[in-house]
Amino acid sequence: MSARFIVTGTDTGIGKTVFSAALGGALDAFYWKPVQSGLEEETDSDTVRRLSGLPPTRILPEAYRMALPASPHISAAREGVTIEAARLELPEVDGPLVVEGAGGLLAPLAPGLLTIDIFARMGLPVILCARTALGTINHTLLSLEALARRGIPVHGVAFLGDPAEEEEAAVTAFSGARRLGRLPRVDPLDAPTLALAFRQSFDLDAFR
């Protein structure tokens, strides 16, 4: 069976879209962002299209697109939209799939519906992206605990940013989660430099 993963993060704006682009490109995968909040600037799907090297047909259309860059439930309410779990079923694709969540695990989508609830319905293994910054131990352990409480399988943790060996070691020691690797800051950031950084930082066999 082709590799299929959910990519989520301990917070918003930590670089999980860049990681999704790198992983999607490395696996020659389909990419799907079910819910997009914020359309004025480059969307996450646009970023993956630019950085992954994937053909446009591999970037699947979002189920929901809201203009306001805010928590999805707020954006949806402002536009008179109700995000429904039934519209967030996994797409049928012939090949690997990378699904990227909106914000963190407990980001609300609608009254009584959290992002993590959708992940539980999907049943795919989760790759948790964690930035190597102050507070990452607490944020990452809380996220892993939330996933464990709902019985969601965790494929591993991908760290993003500058080296933080002690913090990364603490996360894996306390949680037992697998450390997949660390994607460093990439500058300049484009498809070739990102692909090279990913190959140098991660074992692709860990995602097959």
Protein backbone atom coordinates (compact mmCIF):
# COMPACT_ATOMS: atom_id res chain seq x y z
CA MET A 1 0.00 0.00 0.00
CA SER A 2 1.23 3.51 -0.80
CA ALA A 3 2.43 5.70 2.05
CA ARG A 4 -0.30 7.96 3.44
CA PHE A 5 0.31 10.45 6.25
CA ILE A 6 -1.30 13.32 8.09
CA VAL A 7 1.10 16.18 8.76
CA THR A 8 0.19 18.38 11.70
CA GLY A 9 2.04 20.71 14.03
CA THR A 10 2.32 21.78 17.63
CA ASP A 11 1.23 25.27 16.57
CA THR A 12 0.48 27.35 13.52
CA GLY A 13 3.20 29.01 11.46
CA ILE A 14 5.96 26.60 12.47
CA GLY A 15 6.85 25.32 9.01
CA LYS A 16 4.68 22.23 8.59
CA THR A 17 3.68 23.35 5.09
CA VAL A 18 7.34 23.48 4.06
CA PHE A 19 7.81 20.02 5.57
CA SER A 20 4.70 18.79 3.74
CA ALA A 21 6.12 20.11 0.48
CA ALA A 22 9.43 18.35 1.09
CA LEU A 23 7.79 15.07 2.07
CA GLY A 24 5.31 15.21 -0.79
CA GLY A 25 8.07 15.83 -3.29
CA ALA A 26 10.25 13.06 -1.87
CA LEU A 27 7.39 10.55 -2.07
CA ASP A 28 6.00 11.85 -5.38
CA ALA A 29 2.74 12.08 -3.45
CA PHE A 30 -0.62 13.74 -3.77
CA TYR A 31 -1.08 16.67 -1.37
CA TRP A 32 -4.37 17.71 0.23
CA LYS A 33 -5.11 20.59 2.57
CA PRO A 34 -8.74 19.95 3.60
CA VAL A 35 -9.38 23.37 5.17
CA GLN A 36 -7.69 26.63 4.16
CA SER A 37 -8.16 29.86 6.14
CA GLY A 38 -6.68 32.93 4.48
CA LEU A 39 -6.59 33.60 0.76
CA GLU A 40 -4.98 37.04 0.37
CA GLU A 41 -1.43 35.72 0.51
CA GLU A 42 0.02 32.48 -0.83
CA THR A 43 -2.08 29.56 0.41
CA ASP A 44 -0.56 26.38 1.77
CA SER A 45 -1.49 24.54 -1.41
CA ASP A 46 0.23 27.29 -3.42
CA THR A 47 3.34 26.94 -1.26
CA VAL A 48 3.44 23.17 -1.73
CA ARG A 49 2.93 23.60 -5.47
CA ARG A 50 5.90 26.00 -5.56
CA LEU A 51 8.27 24.07 -3.29
CA SER A 52 7.50 20.40 -3.81
CA GLY A 53 8.31 20.00 -7.48
CA LEU A 54 5.05 18.07 -7.85
CA PRO A 55 2.91 18.50 -10.97
CA PRO A 56 -0.21 20.65 -10.45
CA THR A 57 -2.45 17.59 -10.76
CA ARG A 58 -0.93 16.24 -7.53
CA ILE A 59 -2.16 19.26 -5.53
CA LEU A 60 -5.76 18.42 -4.72
CA PRO A 61 -8.36 21.17 -4.22
CA GLU A 62 -9.32 22.09 -0.68
CA ALA A 63 -12.74 21.09 0.63
CA TYR A 64 -13.14 24.50 2.29
CA ARG A 65 -11.51 27.81 1.40
CA MET A 66 -12.17 30.83 3.63
CA ALA A 67 -10.74 34.28 3.07
CA LEU A 68 -10.14 35.33 6.67
CA PRO A 69 -6.73 34.21 8.08
CA ALA A 70 -8.03 32.99 11.44
CA SER A 71 -9.02 29.82 13.24
CA PRO A 72 -11.13 27.84 10.75
CA HIS A 73 -14.31 28.00 12.85
CA ILE A 74 -14.05 31.78 13.02
CA SER A 75 -13.33 32.15 9.31
CA ALA A 76 -16.21 29.85 8.45
CA ALA A 77 -18.65 31.64 10.74
CA ARG A 78 -17.76 35.02 9.24
CA GLU A 79 -18.58 33.66 5.78
CA GLY A 80 -21.73 31.80 6.80
CA VAL A 81 -20.12 28.41 6.20
CA THR A 82 -20.42 25.33 8.38
CA ILE A 83 -17.52 22.93 8.11
CA GLU A 84 -18.93 19.40 8.02
CA ALA A 85 -16.96 16.25 8.80
CA ALA A 86 -18.68 14.40 5.96
CA ARG A 87 -16.96 16.67 3.43
CA LEU A 88 -13.55 15.88 4.89
CA GLU A 89 -13.33 12.24 3.91
CA LEU A 90 -10.00 11.13 2.48
CA PRO A 91 -9.74 11.51 -1.29
CA GLU A 92 -9.21 8.40 -3.37
CA VAL A 93 -5.85 8.68 -5.09
CA ASP A 94 -3.55 6.26 -6.87
CA GLY A 95 -0.32 6.81 -4.98
CA PRO A 96 1.11 8.26 -1.77
CA LEU A 97 -0.87 10.96 0.02
CA VAL A 98 0.13 13.80 2.34
CA VAL A 99 -2.73 15.46 4.23
CA GLU A 100 -1.93 18.71 6.03
CA GLY A 101 -4.08 19.93 8.89
CA ALA A 102 -4.97 23.52 9.70
CA GLY A 103 -3.15 24.96 12.70
CA GLY A 104 -2.64 22.69 15.70
CA LEU A 105 -4.46 19.54 16.72
CA LEU A 106 -7.12 21.27 18.79
CA ALA A 107 -7.90 24.00 16.28
CA PRO A 108 -11.73 24.19 16.10
CA LEU A 109 -13.39 23.62 12.74
CA ALA A 110 -17.03 24.01 13.79
CA PRO A 111 -19.08 23.86 17.01
CA GLY A 112 -18.20 20.54 18.63
CA LEU A 113 -15.66 19.64 15.93
CA LEU A 114 -11.89 19.86 16.37
CA THR A 115 -9.18 19.18 13.82
CA ILE A 116 -8.05 16.16 15.82
CA ASP A 117 -11.57 14.69 15.52
CA ILE A 118 -11.15 14.64 11.74
CA PHE A 119 -7.77 12.97 12.09
CA ALA A 120 -9.32 10.27 14.26
CA ARG A 121 -11.93 9.61 11.54
CA MET A 122 -9.25 9.40 8.86
CA GLY A 123 -7.20 6.85 10.75
CA LEU A 124 -3.91 7.68 9.05
CA PRO A 125 -0.59 7.81 10.92
CA VAL A 126 0.35 11.31 12.02
CA ILE A 127 3.67 13.06 11.57
CA LEU A 128 3.90 15.76 14.23
CA CYS A 129 6.01 18.77 13.29
CA ALA A 130 7.64 20.57 16.21
CA ARG A 131 9.78 23.68 16.01
CA THR A 132 13.06 23.70 17.91
CA ALA A 133 12.29 26.75 20.03
CA LEU A 134 11.61 27.52 23.67
CA GLY A 135 8.51 25.67 24.80
CA THR A 136 8.73 22.90 22.25
CA ILE A 137 9.00 20.14 24.87
CA ASN A 138 5.74 21.09 26.53
CA HIS A 139 3.86 21.76 23.28
CA THR A 140 5.05 18.55 21.67
CA LEU A 141 4.33 16.32 24.65
CA LEU A 142 0.85 17.80 25.02
CA SER A 143 0.15 17.17 21.33
CA LEU A 144 1.40 13.60 21.53
CA GLU A 145 -0.74 13.00 24.62
CA ALA A 146 -3.82 14.31 22.83
CA LEU A 147 -3.16 11.95 19.91
CA ALA A 148 -2.63 8.99 22.24
CA ARG A 149 -5.86 9.67 24.14
CA ARG A 150 -7.80 9.36 20.90
CA GLY A 151 -5.96 6.29 19.70
CA ILE A 152 -4.48 8.06 16.68
CA PRO A 153 -1.29 6.37 15.45
CA VAL A 154 1.84 8.54 15.52
CA HIS A 155 4.42 7.85 12.84
CA GLY A 156 6.96 10.11 14.48
CA VAL A 157 8.09 13.64 15.25
CA ALA A 158 9.80 15.87 12.67
CA PHE A 159 11.68 18.76 14.22
CA LEU A 160 11.98 22.04 12.33
CA GLY A 161 14.61 24.72 12.85
CA ASP A 162 18.01 25.11 14.44
CA PRO A 163 19.67 22.24 16.34
CA ALA A 164 18.24 21.61 19.82
CA GLU A 165 19.61 18.22 20.82
CA GLU A 166 18.59 18.31 24.48
CA GLU A 167 15.04 19.40 23.72
CA GLU A 168 14.63 16.80 20.97
CA ALA A 169 16.02 14.09 23.25
CA ALA A 170 13.61 15.07 26.03
CA VAL A 171 10.61 14.80 23.71
CA THR A 172 11.54 11.32 22.54
CA ALA A 173 12.51 10.14 26.05
CA PHE A 174 9.27 11.25 27.71
CA SER A 175 6.93 10.28 24.89
CA GLY A 176 8.57 7.25 23.30
CA ALA A 177 7.77 8.76 19.90
CA ARG A 178 10.19 8.20 17.06
CA ARG A 179 12.42 11.09 16.06
CA LEU A 180 12.23 11.17 12.27
CA GLY A 181 14.82 13.91 11.83
CA ARG A 182 15.20 17.67 11.79
CA LEU A 183 14.65 19.94 8.82
CA PRO A 184 16.96 22.96 9.19
CA ARG A 185 16.23 26.46 8.01
CA VAL A 186 16.68 26.54 4.25
CA ASP A 187 17.92 29.75 2.66
CA PRO A 188 17.34 30.39 -0.15
CA LEU A 189 14.14 28.37 0.00
CA ASP A 190 13.11 26.85 -3.30
CA ALA A 191 12.25 23.40 -4.61
CA PRO A 192 15.84 22.19 -5.26
CA THR A 193 17.30 23.48 -1.97
CA LEU A 194 14.38 22.08 0.03
CA ALA A 195 14.63 18.67 -1.64
CA LEU A 196 18.36 18.55 -0.88
CA ALA A 197 17.86 19.56 2.76
CA PHE A 198 15.19 16.89 3.19
CA ARG A 199 17.39 14.16 1.70
CA GLN A 200 20.24 15.16 4.00
CA SER A 201 18.06 15.32 7.12
CA PHE A 202 15.69 12.35 6.83
CA ASP A 203 15.86 8.69 5.86
CA LEU A 204 13.27 8.30 3.13
CA ASP A 205 12.83 4.63 4.04
CA ALA A 206 11.24 5.82 7.29
CA PHE A 207 8.29 7.09 5.25
CA ARG A 208 7.71 4.05 3.05
